[in-house]
Amino acid sequence: MGFRVPAIIISPYARQGDLDNKQMSFESILNFIEWNWYVPNTLSQRVADTNSIASAFNFQQKPSAPFIIPTSKAEIAYVISEAAAYGPDTD
């Protein structure tokens, strides 16, 4: 299986707070590109055999508003307090 590589999906269509435990690989991104843009599976069989990252997205939802990176101490404190509300990742 090799080493594990975590991924963070940043997109207005990402499923917020979603944690996917499916086994992925670097080729999972290529698999998604082929699926999303209707590219025939011409890259390799290895790409075809891997799971896609498509489940991390919900293209039916209204796109999330952009996240503005905080620049003041008050804004940073607010972001930290909001993140604390979700609690630690227990997976």
PDB file of N, CA and C in Angstrom:
ATOM      1  N   MET A   1       0.806  -1.197   0.000  1.00  0.00           N
ATOM      2  CA  MET A   1       0.000   0.000   0.000  1.00  0.00           C
ATOM      3  C   MET A   1       0.854   1.268   0.000  1.00  0.00           C
ATOM      4  N   GLY A   2       2.064   1.214   0.466  1.00  0.00           N
ATOM      5  CA  GLY A   2       2.904   2.398   0.456  1.00  0.00           C
ATOM      6  C   GLY A   2       2.579   3.330   1.611  1.00  0.00           C
ATOM      7  N   PHE A   3       3.144   4.523   1.565  1.00  0.00           N
ATOM      8  CA  PHE A   3       2.914   5.477   2.637  1.00  0.00           C
ATOM      9  C   PHE A   3       1.609   6.219   2.415  1.00  0.00           C
ATOM     10  N   ARG A   4       1.046   6.738   3.506  1.00  0.00           N
ATOM     11  CA  ARG A   4      -0.226   7.451   3.435  1.00  0.00           C
ATOM     12  C   ARG A   4       0.024   8.922   3.159  1.00  0.00           C
ATOM     13  N   VAL A   5      -0.779   9.494   2.297  1.00  0.00           N
ATOM     14  CA  VAL A   5      -0.659  10.905   1.953  1.00  0.00           C
ATOM     15  C   VAL A   5      -2.013  11.569   2.192  1.00  0.00           C
ATOM     16  N   PRO A   6      -2.110  12.391   3.229  1.00  0.00           N
ATOM     17  CA  PRO A   6      -3.378  13.078   3.452  1.00  0.00           C
ATOM     18  C   PRO A   6      -3.603  14.144   2.398  1.00  0.00           C
ATOM     19  N   ALA A   7      -4.849  14.483   2.177  1.00  0.00           N
ATOM     20  CA  ALA A   7      -5.178  15.518   1.198  1.00  0.00           C
ATOM     21  C   ALA A   7      -6.225  16.452   1.788  1.00  0.00           C
ATOM     22  N   ILE A   8      -6.104  17.706   1.455  1.00  0.00           N
ATOM     23  CA  ILE A   8      -7.105  18.702   1.827  1.00  0.00           C
ATOM     24  C   ILE A   8      -7.693  19.237   0.529  1.00  0.00           C
ATOM     25  N   ILE A   9      -8.996  19.102   0.384  1.00  0.00           N
ATOM     26  CA  ILE A   9      -9.683  19.565  -0.812  1.00  0.00           C
ATOM     27  C   ILE A   9     -10.175  20.986  -0.553  1.00  0.00           C
ATOM     28  N   ILE A  10      -9.736  21.922  -1.371  1.00  0.00           N
ATOM     29  CA  ILE A  10     -10.175  23.312  -1.246  1.00  0.00           C
ATOM     30  C   ILE A  10     -10.934  23.660  -2.516  1.00  0.00           C
ATOM     31  N   SER A  11     -12.239  23.832  -2.358  1.00  0.00           N
ATOM     32  CA  SER A  11     -13.096  24.091  -3.502  1.00  0.00           C
ATOM     33  C   SER A  11     -14.414  24.665  -3.001  1.00  0.00           C
ATOM     34  N   PRO A  12     -15.065  25.523  -3.777  1.00  0.00           N
ATOM     35  CA  PRO A  12     -16.391  25.985  -3.365  1.00  0.00           C
ATOM     36  C   PRO A  12     -17.426  24.866  -3.387  1.00  0.00           C
ATOM     37  N   TYR A  13     -17.092  23.741  -3.982  1.00  0.00           N
ATOM     38  CA  TYR A  13     -18.005  22.601  -4.053  1.00  0.00           C
ATOM     39  C   TYR A  13     -17.586  21.445  -3.132  1.00  0.00           C
ATOM     40  N   ALA A  14     -16.577  21.657  -2.308  1.00  0.00           N
ATOM     41  CA  ALA A  14     -16.135  20.595  -1.401  1.00  0.00           C
ATOM     42  C   ALA A  14     -17.202  20.357  -0.335  1.00  0.00           C
ATOM     43  N   ARG A  15     -17.327  19.116   0.076  1.00  0.00           N
ATOM     44  CA  ARG A  15     -18.260  18.783   1.154  1.00  0.00           C
ATOM     45  C   ARG A  15     -17.610  19.222   2.466  1.00  0.00           C
ATOM     46  N   GLN A  16     -18.202  20.197   3.128  1.00  0.00           N
ATOM     47  CA  GLN A  16     -17.615  20.769   4.332  1.00  0.00           C
ATOM     48  C   GLN A  16     -17.579  19.751   5.460  1.00  0.00           C
ATOM     49  N   GLY A  17     -16.416  19.630   6.074  1.00  0.00           N
ATOM     50  CA  GLY A  17     -16.247  18.742   7.214  1.00  0.00           C
ATOM     51  C   GLY A  17     -16.273  17.266   6.870  1.00  0.00           C
ATOM     52  N   ASP A  18     -16.240  16.924   5.600  1.00  0.00           N
ATOM     53  CA  ASP A  18     -16.317  15.531   5.170  1.00  0.00           C
ATOM     54  C   ASP A  18     -14.979  14.836   5.382  1.00  0.00           C
ATOM     55  N   LEU A  19     -15.038  13.630   5.870  1.00  0.00           N
ATOM     56  CA  LEU A  19     -13.839  12.816   6.056  1.00  0.00           C
ATOM     57  C   LEU A  19     -14.061  11.505   5.317  1.00  0.00           C
ATOM     58  N   ASP A  20     -13.240  11.241   4.333  1.00  0.00           N
ATOM     59  CA  ASP A  20     -13.384  10.056   3.496  1.00  0.00           C
ATOM     60  C   ASP A  20     -12.254   9.087   3.810  1.00  0.00           C
ATOM     61  N   ASN A  21     -12.598   7.886   4.193  1.00  0.00           N
ATOM     62  CA  ASN A  21     -11.584   6.900   4.564  1.00  0.00           C
ATOM     63  C   ASN A  21     -11.274   5.901   3.457  1.00  0.00           C
ATOM     64  N   LYS A  22     -11.773   6.176   2.233  1.00  0.00           N
ATOM     65  CA  LYS A  22     -11.449   5.281   1.131  1.00  0.00           C
ATOM     66  C   LYS A  22      -9.956   5.363   0.826  1.00  0.00           C
ATOM     67  N   GLN A  23      -9.417   4.247   0.392  1.00  0.00           N
ATOM     68  CA  GLN A  23      -8.016   4.242   0.000  1.00  0.00           C
ATOM     69  C   GLN A  23      -7.857   4.995  -1.319  1.00  0.00           C
ATOM     70  N   MET A  24      -7.008   5.984  -1.303  1.00  0.00           N
ATOM     71  CA  MET A  24      -6.738   6.793  -2.486  1.00  0.00           C
ATOM     72  C   MET A  24      -5.257   6.677  -2.827  1.00  0.00           C
ATOM     73  N   SER A  25      -4.910   7.198  -3.967  1.00  0.00           N
ATOM     74  CA  SER A  25      -3.506   7.264  -4.375  1.00  0.00           C
ATOM     75  C   SER A  25      -3.313   8.547  -5.152  1.00  0.00           C
ATOM     76  N   PHE A  26      -2.100   8.813  -5.549  1.00  0.00           N
ATOM     77  CA  PHE A  26      -1.851  10.009  -6.340  1.00  0.00           C
ATOM     78  C   PHE A  26      -2.654   9.981  -7.640  1.00  0.00           C
ATOM     79  N   GLU A  27      -2.927   8.809  -8.147  1.00  0.00           N
ATOM     80  CA  GLU A  27      -3.679   8.662  -9.392  1.00  0.00           C
ATOM     81  C   GLU A  27      -5.160   8.993  -9.226  1.00  0.00           C
ATOM     82  N   SER A  28      -5.636   9.100  -7.972  1.00  0.00           N
ATOM     83  CA  SER A  28      -7.041   9.419  -7.717  1.00  0.00           C
ATOM     84  C   SER A  28      -7.419  10.772  -8.305  1.00  0.00           C
ATOM     85  N   ILE A  29      -6.483  11.708  -8.284  1.00  0.00           N
ATOM     86  CA  ILE A  29      -6.739  13.029  -8.871  1.00  0.00           C
ATOM     87  C   ILE A  29      -6.864  12.906 -10.384  1.00  0.00           C
ATOM     88  N   LEU A  30      -6.009  12.125 -10.989  1.00  0.00           N
ATOM     89  CA  LEU A  30      -6.093  11.914 -12.433  1.00  0.00           C
ATOM     90  C   LEU A  30      -7.397  11.218 -12.810  1.00  0.00           C
ATOM     91  N   ASN A  31      -7.820  10.270 -11.986  1.00  0.00           N
ATOM     92  CA  ASN A  31      -9.077   9.576 -12.226  1.00  0.00           C
ATOM     93  C   ASN A  31     -10.233  10.576 -12.199  1.00  0.00           C
ATOM     94  N   PHE A  32     -10.217  11.505 -11.243  1.00  0.00           N
ATOM     95  CA  PHE A  32     -11.246  12.538 -11.158  1.00  0.00           C
ATOM     96  C   PHE A  32     -11.235  13.428 -12.394  1.00  0.00           C
ATOM     97  N   ILE A  33     -10.064  13.822 -12.849  1.00  0.00           N
ATOM     98  CA  ILE A  33      -9.956  14.674 -14.042  1.00  0.00           C
ATOM     99  C   ILE A  33     -10.557  13.971 -15.250  1.00  0.00           C
ATOM    100  N   GLU A  34     -10.250  12.704 -15.411  1.00  0.00           N
ATOM    101  CA  GLU A  34     -10.825  11.955 -16.534  1.00  0.00           C
ATOM    102  C   GLU A  34     -12.345  11.906 -16.435  1.00  0.00           C
ATOM    103  N   TRP A  35     -12.868  11.681 -15.228  1.00  0.00           N
ATOM    104  CA  TRP A  35     -14.312  11.590 -15.023  1.00  0.00           C
ATOM    105  C   TRP A  35     -14.989  12.945 -15.232  1.00  0.00           C
ATOM    106  N   ASN A  36     -14.443  13.995 -14.634  1.00  0.00           N
ATOM    107  CA  ASN A  36     -15.085  15.312 -14.638  1.00  0.00           C
ATOM    108  C   ASN A  36     -15.099  15.963 -16.016  1.00  0.00           C
ATOM    109  N   TRP A  37     -14.055  15.779 -16.790  1.00  0.00           N
ATOM    110  CA  TRP A  37     -13.970  16.416 -18.097  1.00  0.00           C
ATOM    111  C   TRP A  37     -14.166  15.428 -19.246  1.00  0.00           C
ATOM    112  N   TYR A  38     -14.743  14.285 -18.930  1.00  0.00           N
ATOM    113  CA  TYR A  38     -15.098  13.281 -19.940  1.00  0.00           C
ATOM    114  C   TYR A  38     -13.904  12.905 -20.825  1.00  0.00           C
ATOM    115  N   VAL A  39     -12.752  12.757 -20.201  1.00  0.00           N
ATOM    116  CA  VAL A  39     -11.552  12.331 -20.929  1.00  0.00           C
ATOM    117  C   VAL A  39     -11.567  10.806 -20.967  1.00  0.00           C
ATOM    118  N   PRO A  40     -11.413  10.209 -22.113  1.00  0.00           N
ATOM    119  CA  PRO A  40     -11.371   8.752 -22.141  1.00  0.00           C
ATOM    120  C   PRO A  40     -10.164   8.245 -21.341  1.00  0.00           C
ATOM    121  N   ASN A  41     -10.339   7.088 -20.742  1.00  0.00           N
ATOM    122  CA  ASN A  41      -9.258   6.538 -19.916  1.00  0.00           C
ATOM    123  C   ASN A  41      -8.084   6.139 -20.804  1.00  0.00           C
ATOM    124  N   THR A  42      -7.239   7.105 -21.065  1.00  0.00           N
ATOM    125  CA  THR A  42      -6.091   6.850 -21.930  1.00  0.00           C
ATOM    126  C   THR A  42      -4.775   6.957 -21.186  1.00  0.00           C
ATOM    127  N   LEU A  43      -4.819   7.386 -19.926  1.00  0.00           N
ATOM    128  CA  LEU A  43      -3.560   7.589 -19.210  1.00  0.00           C
ATOM    129  C   LEU A  43      -2.894   6.260 -18.859  1.00  0.00           C
ATOM    130  N   SER A  44      -3.600   5.413 -18.121  1.00  0.00           N
ATOM    131  CA  SER A  44      -3.033   4.109 -17.771  1.00  0.00           C
ATOM    132  C   SER A  44      -4.095   3.264 -17.073  1.00  0.00           C
ATOM    133  N   GLN A  45      -3.833   2.007 -17.003  1.00  0.00           N
ATOM    134  CA  GLN A  45      -4.737   1.105 -16.285  1.00  0.00           C
ATOM    135  C   GLN A  45      -4.680   1.390 -14.791  1.00  0.00           C
ATOM    136  N   ARG A  46      -3.525   1.832 -14.316  1.00  0.00           N
ATOM    137  CA  ARG A  46      -3.375   2.154 -12.894  1.00  0.00           C
ATOM    138  C   ARG A  46      -4.327   3.285 -12.498  1.00  0.00           C
ATOM    139  N   VAL A  47      -4.479   4.280 -13.353  1.00  0.00           N
ATOM    140  CA  VAL A  47      -5.415   5.375 -13.090  1.00  0.00           C
ATOM    141  C   VAL A  47      -6.845   4.844 -13.092  1.00  0.00           C
ATOM    142  N   ALA A  48      -7.159   3.993 -14.015  1.00  0.00           N
ATOM    143  CA  ALA A  48      -8.510   3.426 -14.117  1.00  0.00           C
ATOM    144  C   ALA A  48      -8.875   2.583 -12.903  1.00  0.00           C
ATOM    145  N   ASP A  49      -7.884   1.941 -12.280  1.00  0.00           N
ATOM    146  CA  ASP A  49      -8.143   1.026 -11.177  1.00  0.00           C
ATOM    147  C   ASP A  49      -8.243   1.707  -9.810  1.00  0.00           C
ATOM    148  N   THR A  50      -7.922   2.991  -9.728  1.00  0.00           N
ATOM    149  CA  THR A  50      -7.921   3.670  -8.426  1.00  0.00           C
ATOM    150  C   THR A  50      -9.261   4.346  -8.152  1.00  0.00           C
ATOM    151  N   ASN A  51      -9.529   4.655  -6.896  1.00  0.00           N
ATOM    152  CA  ASN A  51     -10.727   5.409  -6.511  1.00  0.00           C
ATOM    153  C   ASN A  51     -10.552   6.865  -6.922  1.00  0.00           C
ATOM    154  N   SER A  52     -11.645   7.513  -7.262  1.00  0.00           N
ATOM    155  CA  SER A  52     -11.631   8.918  -7.640  1.00  0.00           C
ATOM    156  C   SER A  52     -11.902   9.791  -6.414  1.00  0.00           C
ATOM    157  N   ILE A  53     -11.443  11.035  -6.447  1.00  0.00           N
ATOM    158  CA  ILE A  53     -11.751  11.964  -5.363  1.00  0.00           C
ATOM    159  C   ILE A  53     -13.112  12.637  -5.567  1.00  0.00           C
ATOM    160  N   ALA A  54     -13.878  12.194  -6.532  1.00  0.00           N
ATOM    161  CA  ALA A  54     -15.172  12.811  -6.856  1.00  0.00           C
ATOM    162  C   ALA A  54     -16.122  12.835  -5.664  1.00  0.00           C
ATOM    163  N   SER A  55     -16.023  11.876  -4.771  1.00  0.00           N
ATOM    164  CA  SER A  55     -16.931  11.838  -3.624  1.00  0.00           C
ATOM    165  C   SER A  55     -16.682  12.991  -2.646  1.00  0.00           C
ATOM    166  N   ALA A  56     -15.580  13.706  -2.796  1.00  0.00           N
ATOM    167  CA  ALA A  56     -15.283  14.845  -1.918  1.00  0.00           C
ATOM    168  C   ALA A  56     -16.037  16.100  -2.338  1.00  0.00           C
ATOM    169  N   PHE A  57     -16.719  16.053  -3.481  1.00  0.00           N
ATOM    170  CA  PHE A  57     -17.398  17.221  -4.011  1.00  0.00           C
ATOM    171  C   PHE A  57     -18.902  17.005  -4.078  1.00  0.00           C
ATOM    172  N   ASN A  58     -19.639  18.104  -3.986  1.00  0.00           N
ATOM    173  CA  ASN A  58     -21.079  18.087  -4.205  1.00  0.00           C
ATOM    174  C   ASN A  58     -21.375  19.203  -5.199  1.00  0.00           C
ATOM    175  N   PHE A  59     -21.471  18.860  -6.467  1.00  0.00           N
ATOM    176  CA  PHE A  59     -21.678  19.853  -7.506  1.00  0.00           C
ATOM    177  C   PHE A  59     -23.133  20.308  -7.602  1.00  0.00           C
ATOM    178  N   GLN A  60     -24.022  19.713  -6.805  1.00  0.00           N
ATOM    179  CA  GLN A  60     -25.423  20.129  -6.780  1.00  0.00           C
ATOM    180  C   GLN A  60     -25.661  21.248  -5.766  1.00  0.00           C
ATOM    181  N   GLN A  61     -24.734  21.448  -4.843  1.00  0.00           N
ATOM    182  CA  GLN A  61     -24.908  22.458  -3.803  1.00  0.00           C
ATOM    183  C   GLN A  61     -24.576  23.855  -4.328  1.00  0.00           C
ATOM    184  N   LYS A  62     -25.085  24.851  -3.630  1.00  0.00           N
ATOM    185  CA  LYS A  62     -24.705  26.227  -3.931  1.00  0.00           C
ATOM    186  C   LYS A  62     -23.234  26.371  -3.528  1.00  0.00           C
ATOM    187  N   PRO A  63     -22.394  26.960  -4.373  1.00  0.00           N
ATOM    188  CA  PRO A  63     -20.977  27.078  -4.021  1.00  0.00           C
ATOM    189  C   PRO A  63     -20.777  27.843  -2.716  1.00  0.00           C
ATOM    190  N   SER A  64     -19.855  27.388  -1.913  1.00  0.00           N
ATOM    191  CA  SER A  64     -19.535  28.067  -0.664  1.00  0.00           C
ATOM    192  C   SER A  64     -18.938  29.436  -0.957  1.00  0.00           C
ATOM    193  N   ALA A  65     -19.146  30.338  -0.038  1.00  0.00           N
ATOM    194  CA  ALA A  65     -18.559  31.669  -0.174  1.00  0.00           C
ATOM    195  C   ALA A  65     -17.035  31.566  -0.021  1.00  0.00           C
ATOM    196  N   PRO A  66     -16.307  32.459  -0.657  1.00  0.00           N
ATOM    197  CA  PRO A  66     -14.853  32.409  -0.521  1.00  0.00           C
ATOM    198  C   PRO A  66     -14.429  32.701   0.912  1.00  0.00           C
ATOM    199  N   PHE A  67     -13.373  32.065   1.332  1.00  0.00           N
ATOM    200  CA  PHE A  67     -12.812  32.279   2.663  1.00  0.00           C
ATOM    201  C   PHE A  67     -11.701  33.313   2.545  1.00  0.00           C
ATOM    202  N   ILE A  68     -11.865  34.413   3.244  1.00  0.00           N
ATOM    203  CA  ILE A  68     -10.867  35.475   3.225  1.00  0.00           C
ATOM    204  C   ILE A  68      -9.873  35.211   4.349  1.00  0.00           C
ATOM    205  N   ILE A  69      -8.615  35.165   4.020  1.00  0.00           N
ATOM    206  CA  ILE A  69      -7.587  34.900   5.021  1.00  0.00           C
ATOM    207  C   ILE A  69      -7.521  36.084   5.981  1.00  0.00           C
ATOM    208  N   PRO A  70      -7.624  35.809   7.294  1.00  0.00           N
ATOM    209  CA  PRO A  70      -7.634  36.896   8.262  1.00  0.00           C
ATOM    210  C   PRO A  70      -6.291  37.644   8.299  1.00  0.00           C
ATOM    211  N   THR A  71      -6.385  38.935   8.555  1.00  0.00           N
ATOM    212  CA  THR A  71      -5.168  39.736   8.585  1.00  0.00           C
ATOM    213  C   THR A  71      -4.931  40.418   9.919  1.00  0.00           C
ATOM    214  N   SER A  72      -5.933  40.487  10.769  1.00  0.00           N
ATOM    215  CA  SER A  72      -5.737  41.124  12.071  1.00  0.00           C
ATOM    216  C   SER A  72      -5.816  40.073  13.171  1.00  0.00           C
ATOM    217  N   LYS A  73      -5.335  40.428  14.358  1.00  0.00           N
ATOM    218  CA  LYS A  73      -5.378  39.497  15.494  1.00  0.00           C
ATOM    219  C   LYS A  73      -6.817  39.143  15.854  1.00  0.00           C
ATOM    220  N   ALA A  74      -7.728  40.108  15.739  1.00  0.00           N
ATOM    221  CA  ALA A  74      -9.134  39.835  16.053  1.00  0.00           C
ATOM    222  C   ALA A  74      -9.720  38.826  15.063  1.00  0.00           C
ATOM    223  N   GLU A  75      -9.393  38.970  13.787  1.00  0.00           N
ATOM    224  CA  GLU A  75      -9.898  38.028  12.785  1.00  0.00           C
ATOM    225  C   GLU A  75      -9.316  36.645  13.003  1.00  0.00           C
ATOM    226  N   ILE A  76      -8.040  36.553  13.323  1.00  0.00           N
ATOM    227  CA  ILE A  76      -7.396  35.259  13.583  1.00  0.00           C
ATOM    228  C   ILE A  76      -8.041  34.595  14.796  1.00  0.00           C
ATOM    229  N   ALA A  77      -8.297  35.365  15.857  1.00  0.00           N
ATOM    230  CA  ALA A  77      -8.945  34.816  17.053  1.00  0.00           C
ATOM    231  C   ALA A  77     -10.331  34.274  16.720  1.00  0.00           C
ATOM    232  N   TYR A  78     -11.067  34.982  15.853  1.00  0.00           N
ATOM    233  CA  TYR A  78     -12.397  34.525  15.452  1.00  0.00           C
ATOM    234  C   TYR A  78     -12.311  33.195  14.703  1.00  0.00           C
ATOM    235  N   VAL A  79     -11.373  33.085  13.769  1.00  0.00           N
ATOM    236  CA  VAL A  79     -11.224  31.847  12.998  1.00  0.00           C
ATOM    237  C   VAL A  79     -10.872  30.689  13.925  1.00  0.00           C
ATOM    238  N   ILE A  80     -10.000  30.926  14.873  1.00  0.00           N
ATOM    239  CA  ILE A  80      -9.618  29.869  15.827  1.00  0.00           C
ATOM    240  C   ILE A  80     -10.819  29.448  16.658  1.00  0.00           C
ATOM    241  N   SER A  81     -11.632  30.415  17.111  1.00  0.00           N
ATOM    242  CA  SER A  81     -12.808  30.069  17.915  1.00  0.00           C
ATOM    243  C   SER A  81     -13.834  29.282  17.088  1.00  0.00           C
ATOM    244  N   GLU A  82     -13.989  29.639  15.808  1.00  0.00           N
ATOM    245  CA  GLU A  82     -14.904  28.900  14.937  1.00  0.00           C
ATOM    246  C   GLU A  82     -14.397  27.473  14.705  1.00  0.00           C
ATOM    247  N   ALA A  83     -13.101  27.327  14.510  1.00  0.00           N
ATOM    248  CA  ALA A  83     -12.523  25.991  14.295  1.00  0.00           C
ATOM    249  C   ALA A  83     -12.684  25.141  15.543  1.00  0.00           C
ATOM    250  N   ALA A  84     -12.556  25.745  16.707  1.00  0.00           N
ATOM    251  CA  ALA A  84     -12.705  24.997  17.964  1.00  0.00           C
ATOM    252  C   ALA A  84     -14.130  24.478  18.135  1.00  0.00           C
ATOM    253  N   ALA A  85     -15.091  25.158  17.541  1.00  0.00           N
ATOM    254  CA  ALA A  85     -16.484  24.723  17.656  1.00  0.00           C
ATOM    255  C   ALA A  85     -16.715  23.374  16.994  1.00  0.00           C
ATOM    256  N   TYR A  86     -15.914  23.043  15.962  1.00  0.00           N
ATOM    257  CA  TYR A  86     -16.064  21.757  15.289  1.00  0.00           C
ATOM    258  C   TYR A  86     -15.451  20.625  16.096  1.00  0.00           C
ATOM    259  N   GLY A  87     -14.528  20.931  16.975  1.00  0.00           N
ATOM    260  CA  GLY A  87     -13.897  19.906  17.802  1.00  0.00           C
ATOM    261  C   GLY A  87     -12.785  19.191  17.047  1.00  0.00           C
ATOM    262  N   PRO A  88     -12.043  18.371  17.764  1.00  0.00           N
ATOM    263  CA  PRO A  88     -10.921  17.670  17.129  1.00  0.00           C
ATOM    264  C   PRO A  88     -11.406  16.552  16.220  1.00  0.00           C
ATOM    265  N   ASP A  89     -10.567  16.203  15.279  1.00  0.00           N
ATOM    266  CA  ASP A  89     -10.855  15.086  14.386  1.00  0.00           C
ATOM    267  C   ASP A  89     -10.684  13.796  15.176  1.00  0.00           C
ATOM    268  N   THR A  90     -11.724  13.001  15.276  1.00  0.00           N
ATOM    269  CA  THR A  90     -11.667  11.785  16.088  1.00  0.00           C
ATOM    270  C   THR A  90     -11.411  10.535  15.266  1.00  0.00           C
ATOM    271  N   ASP A  91     -11.150  10.689  14.010  1.00  0.00           N
ATOM    272  CA  ASP A  91     -10.949   9.526  13.155  1.00  0.00           C
ATOM    273  C   ASP A  91      -9.510   9.064  13.177  1.00  0.00           C
TER     274      ASP A  91
END
